[in-house]
PDB file of all heavy atoms in Angstrom:
ATOM      1  N   ARG A   1      81.881  61.585 153.471  1.00  0.00           N
ATOM      2  CA  ARG A   1      82.975  61.664 152.508  1.00  0.00           C
ATOM      3  C   ARG A   1      82.440  61.436 151.094  1.00  0.00           C
ATOM      4  O   ARG A   1      81.806  60.417 150.811  1.00  0.00           O
ATOM      5  CB  ARG A   1      84.054  60.618 152.824  1.00  0.00           C
ATOM      6  CG  ARG A   1      84.876  60.913 154.080  1.00  0.00           C
ATOM      7  CD  ARG A   1      85.752  62.142 153.884  1.00  0.00           C
ATOM      8  NE  ARG A   1      86.618  62.399 155.029  1.00  0.00           N
ATOM      9  CZ  ARG A   1      86.268  63.120 156.090  1.00  0.00           C
ATOM     10  NH1 ARG A   1      85.050  63.662 156.149  1.00  0.00           N
ATOM     11  NH2 ARG A   1      87.115  63.311 157.076  1.00  0.00           N
ATOM     12  N   ILE A   2      82.720  62.407 150.212  1.00  0.00           N
ATOM     13  CA  ILE A   2      82.347  62.319 148.803  1.00  0.00           C
ATOM     14  C   ILE A   2      83.621  62.359 147.968  1.00  0.00           C
ATOM     15  O   ILE A   2      84.543  63.123 148.252  1.00  0.00           O
ATOM     16  CB  ILE A   2      81.433  63.489 148.374  1.00  0.00           C
ATOM     17  CG1 ILE A   2      80.140  63.511 149.195  1.00  0.00           C
ATOM     18  CG2 ILE A   2      81.101  63.392 146.887  1.00  0.00           C
ATOM     19  CD1 ILE A   2      79.253  64.719 148.900  1.00  0.00           C
ATOM     20  N   LEU A   3      83.653  61.536 146.927  1.00  0.00           N
ATOM     21  CA  LEU A   3      84.757  61.537 145.974  1.00  0.00           C
ATOM     22  C   LEU A   3      84.201  61.855 144.591  1.00  0.00           C
ATOM     23  O   LEU A   3      83.192  61.295 144.172  1.00  0.00           O
ATOM     24  CB  LEU A   3      85.439  60.163 145.941  1.00  0.00           C
ATOM     25  CG  LEU A   3      86.479  59.947 144.835  1.00  0.00           C
ATOM     26  CD1 LEU A   3      87.689  60.862 145.030  1.00  0.00           C
ATOM     27  CD2 LEU A   3      86.907  58.480 144.791  1.00  0.00           C
ATOM     28  N   GLU A   4      84.876  62.753 143.893  1.00  0.00           N
ATOM     29  CA  GLU A   4      84.509  63.073 142.521  1.00  0.00           C
ATOM     30  C   GLU A   4      85.745  62.927 141.634  1.00  0.00           C
ATOM     31  O   GLU A   4      86.785  63.526 141.915  1.00  0.00           O
ATOM     32  CB  GLU A   4      83.974  64.504 142.423  1.00  0.00           C
ATOM     33  CG  GLU A   4      83.606  64.913 140.999  1.00  0.00           C
ATOM     34  CD  GLU A   4      83.163  66.372 140.914  1.00  0.00           C
ATOM     35  OE1 GLU A   4      83.850  67.242 141.498  1.00  0.00           O
ATOM     36  OE2 GLU A   4      82.126  66.633 140.276  1.00  0.00           O
ATOM     37  N   VAL A   5      85.612  62.130 140.583  1.00  0.00           N
ATOM     38  CA  VAL A   5      86.704  61.960 139.624  1.00  0.00           C
ATOM     39  C   VAL A   5      86.335  62.749 138.366  1.00  0.00           C
ATOM     40  O   VAL A   5      85.488  62.331 137.584  1.00  0.00           O
ATOM     41  CB  VAL A   5      86.940  60.478 139.287  1.00  0.00           C
ATOM     42  CG1 VAL A   5      88.170  60.332 138.383  1.00  0.00           C
ATOM     43  CG2 VAL A   5      87.119  59.650 140.550  1.00  0.00           C
ATOM     44  N   GLY A   6      86.953  63.912 138.189  1.00  0.00           N
ATOM     45  CA  GLY A   6      86.639  64.806 137.083  1.00  0.00           C
ATOM     46  C   GLY A   6      85.913  66.047 137.576  1.00  0.00           C
ATOM     47  O   GLY A   6      84.696  66.067 137.680  1.00  0.00           O
ATOM     48  N   THR A   7      86.653  67.097 137.870  1.00  0.00           N
ATOM     49  CA  THR A   7      86.083  68.322 138.457  1.00  0.00           C
ATOM     50  C   THR A   7      85.443  69.224 137.412  1.00  0.00           C
ATOM     51  O   THR A   7      84.383  69.806 137.632  1.00  0.00           O
ATOM     52  CB  THR A   7      87.184  69.130 139.180  1.00  0.00           C
ATOM     53  OG1 THR A   7      87.939  68.279 140.038  1.00  0.00           O
ATOM     54  CG2 THR A   7      86.573  70.270 139.977  1.00  0.00           C
ATOM     55  N   PHE A   8      86.104  69.377 136.273  1.00  0.00           N
ATOM     56  CA  PHE A   8      85.764  70.351 135.234  1.00  0.00           C
ATOM     57  C   PHE A   8      85.648  71.740 135.887  1.00  0.00           C
ATOM     58  O   PHE A   8      86.564  72.163 136.581  1.00  0.00           O
ATOM     59  CB  PHE A   8      84.505  69.940 134.477  1.00  0.00           C
ATOM     60  CG  PHE A   8      84.258  70.721 133.207  1.00  0.00           C
ATOM     61  CD1 PHE A   8      85.301  71.006 132.336  1.00  0.00           C
ATOM     62  CD2 PHE A   8      82.994  71.182 132.882  1.00  0.00           C
ATOM     63  CE1 PHE A   8      85.092  71.727 131.169  1.00  0.00           C
ATOM     64  CE2 PHE A   8      82.769  71.906 131.710  1.00  0.00           C
ATOM     65  CZ  PHE A   8      83.822  72.175 130.858  1.00  0.00           C
ATOM     66  N   LEU A   9      84.548  72.456 135.746  1.00  0.00           N
ATOM     67  CA  LEU A   9      84.434  73.814 136.287  1.00  0.00           C
ATOM     68  C   LEU A   9      83.932  73.846 137.727  1.00  0.00           C
ATOM     69  O   LEU A   9      83.785  74.916 138.309  1.00  0.00           O
ATOM     70  CB  LEU A   9      83.508  74.654 135.409  1.00  0.00           C
ATOM     71  CG  LEU A   9      83.931  74.803 133.944  1.00  0.00           C
ATOM     72  CD1 LEU A   9      82.917  75.648 133.176  1.00  0.00           C
ATOM     73  CD2 LEU A   9      85.323  75.421 133.829  1.00  0.00           C
ATOM     74  N   GLY A  10      83.670  72.675 138.301  1.00  0.00           N
ATOM     75  CA  GLY A  10      83.259  72.617 139.701  1.00  0.00           C
ATOM     76  C   GLY A  10      81.759  72.617 139.929  1.00  0.00           C
ATOM     77  O   GLY A  10      81.305  72.644 141.068  1.00  0.00           O
ATOM     78  N   PHE A  11      80.984  72.574 138.853  1.00  0.00           N
ATOM     79  CA  PHE A  11      79.519  72.622 138.975  1.00  0.00           C
ATOM     80  C   PHE A  11      78.985  71.429 139.762  1.00  0.00           C
ATOM     81  O   PHE A  11      78.263  71.592 140.751  1.00  0.00           O
ATOM     82  CB  PHE A  11      78.898  72.659 137.575  1.00  0.00           C
ATOM     83  CG  PHE A  11      77.399  72.839 137.561  1.00  0.00           C
ATOM     84  CD1 PHE A  11      76.840  74.106 137.517  1.00  0.00           C
ATOM     85  CD2 PHE A  11      76.546  71.752 137.566  1.00  0.00           C
ATOM     86  CE1 PHE A  11      75.460  74.285 137.490  1.00  0.00           C
ATOM     87  CE2 PHE A  11      75.169  71.901 137.544  1.00  0.00           C
ATOM     88  CZ  PHE A  11      74.627  73.180 137.510  1.00  0.00           C
ATOM     89  N   SER A  12      79.334  70.225 139.339  1.00  0.00           N
ATOM     90  CA  SER A  12      78.831  69.034 140.028  1.00  0.00           C
ATOM     91  C   SER A  12      79.400  68.930 141.437  1.00  0.00           C
ATOM     92  O   SER A  12      78.720  68.447 142.355  1.00  0.00           O
ATOM     93  CB  SER A  12      79.149  67.771 139.223  1.00  0.00           C
ATOM     94  OG  SER A  12      80.526  67.695 138.903  1.00  0.00           O
ATOM     95  N   SER A  13      80.626  69.405 141.635  1.00  0.00           N
ATOM     96  CA  SER A  13      81.221  69.399 142.987  1.00  0.00           C
ATOM     97  C   SER A  13      80.353  70.198 143.953  1.00  0.00           C
ATOM     98  O   SER A  13      80.050  69.747 145.070  1.00  0.00           O
ATOM     99  CB  SER A  13      82.619  70.025 142.962  1.00  0.00           C
ATOM    100  OG  SER A  13      83.401  69.549 141.905  1.00  0.00           O
ATOM    101  N   LEU A  14      79.960  71.392 143.520  1.00  0.00           N
ATOM    102  CA  LEU A  14      79.159  72.269 144.372  1.00  0.00           C
ATOM    103  C   LEU A  14      77.765  71.701 144.610  1.00  0.00           C
ATOM    104  O   LEU A  14      77.196  71.872 145.693  1.00  0.00           O
ATOM    105  CB  LEU A  14      79.086  73.663 143.761  1.00  0.00           C
ATOM    106  CG  LEU A  14      80.412  74.426 143.749  1.00  0.00           C
ATOM    107  CD1 LEU A  14      80.309  75.674 142.885  1.00  0.00           C
ATOM    108  CD2 LEU A  14      80.828  74.798 145.176  1.00  0.00           C
ATOM    109  N   CYS A  15      77.209  71.023 143.593  1.00  0.00           N
ATOM    110  CA  CYS A  15      75.906  70.372 143.780  1.00  0.00           C
ATOM    111  C   CYS A  15      76.005  69.261 144.822  1.00  0.00           C
ATOM    112  O   CYS A  15      75.180  69.170 145.732  1.00  0.00           O
ATOM    113  CB  CYS A  15      75.415  69.800 142.453  1.00  0.00           C
ATOM    114  SG  CYS A  15      74.987  71.041 141.211  1.00  0.00           S
ATOM    115  N   LEU A  16      77.013  68.419 144.695  1.00  0.00           N
ATOM    116  CA  LEU A  16      77.197  67.300 145.623  1.00  0.00           C
ATOM    117  C   LEU A  16      77.500  67.783 147.039  1.00  0.00           C
ATOM    118  O   LEU A  16      77.050  67.189 148.024  1.00  0.00           O
ATOM    119  CB  LEU A  16      78.332  66.401 145.134  1.00  0.00           C
ATOM    120  CG  LEU A  16      78.055  65.575 143.880  1.00  0.00           C
ATOM    121  CD1 LEU A  16      79.358  65.047 143.281  1.00  0.00           C
ATOM    122  CD2 LEU A  16      77.115  64.412 144.198  1.00  0.00           C
ATOM    123  N   ALA A  17      78.252  68.870 147.157  1.00  0.00           N
ATOM    124  CA  ALA A  17      78.660  69.376 148.468  1.00  0.00           C
ATOM    125  C   ALA A  17      77.479  69.839 149.319  1.00  0.00           C
ATOM    126  O   ALA A  17      77.583  69.907 150.554  1.00  0.00           O
ATOM    127  CB  ALA A  17      79.654  70.521 148.301  1.00  0.00           C
ATOM    128  N   LYS A  18      76.361  70.134 148.684  1.00  0.00           N
ATOM    129  CA  LYS A  18      75.200  70.641 149.417  1.00  0.00           C
ATOM    130  C   LYS A  18      74.633  69.624 150.417  1.00  0.00           C
ATOM    131  O   LYS A  18      73.928  70.003 151.352  1.00  0.00           O
ATOM    132  CB  LYS A  18      74.110  71.081 148.437  1.00  0.00           C
ATOM    133  CG  LYS A  18      74.466  72.334 147.638  1.00  0.00           C
ATOM    134  CD  LYS A  18      73.383  72.669 146.630  1.00  0.00           C
ATOM    135  CE  LYS A  18      73.751  73.868 145.771  1.00  0.00           C
ATOM    136  NZ  LYS A  18      73.710  75.133 146.514  1.00  0.00           N
ATOM    137  N   GLY A  19      74.934  68.346 150.231  1.00  0.00           N
ATOM    138  CA  GLY A  19      74.419  67.332 151.145  1.00  0.00           C
ATOM    139  C   GLY A  19      75.395  66.896 152.213  1.00  0.00           C
ATOM    140  O   GLY A  19      75.069  66.049 153.058  1.00  0.00           O
ATOM    141  N   LEU A  20      76.610  67.441 152.204  1.00  0.00           N
ATOM    142  CA  LEU A  20      77.633  67.031 153.162  1.00  0.00           C
ATOM    143  C   LEU A  20      77.218  67.285 154.610  1.00  0.00           C
ATOM    144  O   LEU A  20      76.578  68.296 154.914  1.00  0.00           O
ATOM    145  CB  LEU A  20      78.935  67.790 152.904  1.00  0.00           C
ATOM    146  CG  LEU A  20      79.860  67.292 151.796  1.00  0.00           C
ATOM    147  CD1 LEU A  20      80.957  68.326 151.543  1.00  0.00           C
ATOM    148  CD2 LEU A  20      80.460  65.937 152.137  1.00  0.00           C
ATOM    149  N   LEU A  21      77.616  66.381 155.488  1.00  0.00           N
ATOM    150  CA  LEU A  21      77.482  66.632 156.915  1.00  0.00           C
ATOM    151  C   LEU A  21      78.373  67.821 157.291  1.00  0.00           C
ATOM    152  O   LEU A  21      79.335  68.134 156.575  1.00  0.00           O
ATOM    153  CB  LEU A  21      77.900  65.397 157.711  1.00  0.00           C
ATOM    154  CG  LEU A  21      76.963  64.188 157.615  1.00  0.00           C
ATOM    155  CD1 LEU A  21      77.590  62.976 158.315  1.00  0.00           C
ATOM    156  CD2 LEU A  21      75.595  64.497 158.211  1.00  0.00           C
ATOM    157  N   PRO A  22      78.091  68.496 158.396  1.00  0.00           N
ATOM    158  CA  PRO A  22      78.881  69.682 158.772  1.00  0.00           C
ATOM    159  C   PRO A  22      80.379  69.419 158.838  1.00  0.00           C
ATOM    160  O   PRO A  22      81.190  70.312 158.531  1.00  0.00           O
ATOM    161  CB  PRO A  22      78.319  70.057 160.145  1.00  0.00           C
ATOM    162  CG  PRO A  22      76.905  69.557 160.099  1.00  0.00           C
ATOM    163  CD  PRO A  22      76.957  68.285 159.309  1.00  0.00           C
ATOM    164  N   ASP A  23      80.782  68.218 159.243  1.00  0.00           N
ATOM    165  CA  ASP A  23      82.206  67.891 159.316  1.00  0.00           C
ATOM    166  C   ASP A  23      82.664  67.061 158.118  1.00  0.00           C
ATOM    167  O   ASP A  23      83.750  66.479 158.125  1.00  0.00           O
ATOM    168  CB  ASP A  23      82.522  67.144 160.615  1.00  0.00           C
ATOM    169  CG  ASP A  23      81.750  65.838 160.732  1.00  0.00           C
ATOM    170  OD1 ASP A  23      80.785  65.633 159.953  1.00  0.00           O
ATOM    171  OD2 ASP A  23      82.113  65.007 161.591  1.00  0.00           O
ATOM    172  N   GLY A  24      81.845  67.018 157.064  1.00  0.00           N
ATOM    173  CA  GLY A  24      82.162  66.213 155.897  1.00  0.00           C
ATOM    174  C   GLY A  24      83.128  66.890 154.946  1.00  0.00           C
ATOM    175  O   GLY A  24      83.395  68.086 155.039  1.00  0.00           O
ATOM    176  N   GLN A  25      83.647  66.086 154.004  1.00  0.00           N
ATOM    177  CA  GLN A  25      84.582  66.598 152.999  1.00  0.00           C
ATOM    178  C   GLN A  25      84.240  66.015 151.635  1.00  0.00           C
ATOM    179  O   GLN A  25      83.771  64.883 151.525  1.00  0.00           O
ATOM    180  CB  GLN A  25      86.029  66.217 153.334  1.00  0.00           C
ATOM    181  CG  GLN A  25      86.606  66.904 154.544  1.00  0.00           C
ATOM    182  CD  GLN A  25      88.047  66.487 154.795  1.00  0.00           C
ATOM    183  OE1 GLN A  25      88.523  65.480 154.282  1.00  0.00           O
ATOM    184  NE2 GLN A  25      88.759  67.278 155.587  1.00  0.00           N
ATOM    185  N   LEU A  26      84.503  66.811 150.611  1.00  0.00           N
ATOM    186  CA  LEU A  26      84.405  66.356 149.228  1.00  0.00           C
ATOM    187  C   LEU A  26      85.780  66.472 148.598  1.00  0.00           C
ATOM    188  O   LEU A  26      86.372  67.558 148.586  1.00  0.00           O
ATOM    189  CB  LEU A  26      83.389  67.185 148.445  1.00  0.00           C
ATOM    190  CG  LEU A  26      83.130  66.772 146.989  1.00  0.00           C
ATOM    191  CD1 LEU A  26      81.691  67.109 146.581  1.00  0.00           C
ATOM    192  CD2 LEU A  26      84.104  67.449 146.012  1.00  0.00           C
ATOM    193  N   HIS A  27      86.302  65.358 148.107  1.00  0.00           N
ATOM    194  CA  HIS A  27      87.576  65.344 147.400  1.00  0.00           C
ATOM    195  C   HIS A  27      87.291  65.239 145.910  1.00  0.00           C
ATOM    196  O   HIS A  27      86.604  64.314 145.469  1.00  0.00           O
ATOM    197  CB  HIS A  27      88.434  64.151 147.846  1.00  0.00           C
ATOM    198  CG  HIS A  27      88.912  64.249 149.254  1.00  0.00           C
ATOM    199  ND1 HIS A  27      90.219  64.562 149.578  1.00  0.00           N
ATOM    200  CD2 HIS A  27      88.260  64.079 150.430  1.00  0.00           C
ATOM    201  CE1 HIS A  27      90.347  64.577 150.901  1.00  0.00           C
ATOM    202  NE2 HIS A  27      89.178  64.289 151.439  1.00  0.00           N
ATOM    203  N   THR A  28      87.811  66.181 145.135  1.00  0.00           N
ATOM    204  CA  THR A  28      87.567  66.178 143.697  1.00  0.00           C
ATOM    205  C   THR A  28      88.894  66.217 142.951  1.00  0.00           C
ATOM    206  O   THR A  28      89.836  66.901 143.364  1.00  0.00           O
ATOM    207  CB  THR A  28      86.641  67.345 143.282  1.00  0.00           C
ATOM    208  OG1 THR A  28      86.378  67.277 141.875  1.00  0.00           O
ATOM    209  CG2 THR A  28      87.224  68.701 143.640  1.00  0.00           C
ATOM    210  N   LEU A  29      88.983  65.474 141.837  1.00  0.00           N
ATOM    211  CA  LEU A  29      90.233  65.267 141.118  1.00  0.00           C
ATOM    212  C   LEU A  29      90.135  65.848 139.708  1.00  0.00           C
ATOM    213  O   LEU A  29      89.173  65.583 138.985  1.00  0.00           O
ATOM    214  CB  LEU A  29      90.532  63.766 140.996  1.00  0.00           C
ATOM    215  CG  LEU A  29      91.036  62.991 142.214  1.00  0.00           C
ATOM    216  CD1 LEU A  29      90.138  63.149 143.426  1.00  0.00           C
ATOM    217  CD2 LEU A  29      91.188  61.509 141.873  1.00  0.00           C
ATOM    218  N   GLU A  30      91.142  66.633 139.337  1.00  0.00           N
ATOM    219  CA  GLU A  30      91.153  67.256 138.006  1.00  0.00           C
ATOM    220  C   GLU A  30      92.567  67.227 137.435  1.00  0.00           C
ATOM    221  O   GLU A  30      93.533  67.571 138.124  1.00  0.00           O
ATOM    222  CB  GLU A  30      90.656  68.703 138.086  1.00  0.00           C
ATOM    223  CG  GLU A  30      90.721  69.484 136.787  1.00  0.00           C
ATOM    224  CD  GLU A  30      89.954  68.838 135.652  1.00  0.00           C
ATOM    225  OE1 GLU A  30      88.804  68.404 135.873  1.00  0.00           O
ATOM    226  OE2 GLU A  30      90.513  68.750 134.539  1.00  0.00           O
ATOM    227  N   LEU A  31      92.683  66.830 136.175  1.00  0.00           N
ATOM    228  CA  LEU A  31      93.985  66.743 135.522  1.00  0.00           C
ATOM    229  C   LEU A  31      94.457  68.096 135.005  1.00  0.00           C
ATOM    230  O   LEU A  31      95.618  68.473 135.184  1.00  0.00           O
ATOM    231  CB  LEU A  31      93.914  65.743 134.358  1.00  0.00           C
ATOM    232  CG  LEU A  31      95.175  65.606 133.498  1.00  0.00           C
ATOM    233  CD1 LEU A  31      96.344  65.079 134.327  1.00  0.00           C
ATOM    234  CD2 LEU A  31      94.906  64.681 132.314  1.00  0.00           C
ATOM    235  N   ASP A  32      93.568  68.843 134.353  1.00  0.00           N
ATOM    236  CA  ASP A  32      93.960  70.073 133.675  1.00  0.00           C
ATOM    237  C   ASP A  32      94.178  71.228 134.656  1.00  0.00           C
ATOM    238  O   ASP A  32      93.305  71.552 135.455  1.00  0.00           O
ATOM    239  CB  ASP A  32      92.885  70.458 132.657  1.00  0.00           C
ATOM    240  CG  ASP A  32      93.282  71.669 131.841  1.00  0.00           C
ATOM    241  OD1 ASP A  32      94.132  71.521 130.945  1.00  0.00           O
ATOM    242  OD2 ASP A  32      92.746  72.762 132.114  1.00  0.00           O
ATOM    243  N   GLU A  33      95.334  71.861 134.558  1.00  0.00           N
ATOM    244  CA  GLU A  33      95.710  72.912 135.517  1.00  0.00           C
ATOM    245  C   GLU A  33      94.806  74.137 135.419  1.00  0.00           C
ATOM    246  O   GLU A  33      94.356  74.677 136.439  1.00  0.00           O
ATOM    247  CB  GLU A  33      97.168  73.315 135.288  1.00  0.00           C
ATOM    248  CG  GLU A  33      97.694  74.301 136.324  1.00  0.00           C
ATOM    249  CD  GLU A  33      99.188  74.556 136.187  1.00  0.00           C
ATOM    250  OE1 GLU A  33      99.830  73.899 135.344  1.00  0.00           O
ATOM    251  OE2 GLU A  33      99.702  75.417 136.930  1.00  0.00           O
TER     252      GLU A  33
END
């Protein structure tokens, strides 16, 4: 389980997701629609 506070364009989300276990999840939070 990974948590990210501040998604922006998703760059760091995708970098972090590369290490997830096969059944893992990354939750990312973004204010701006």
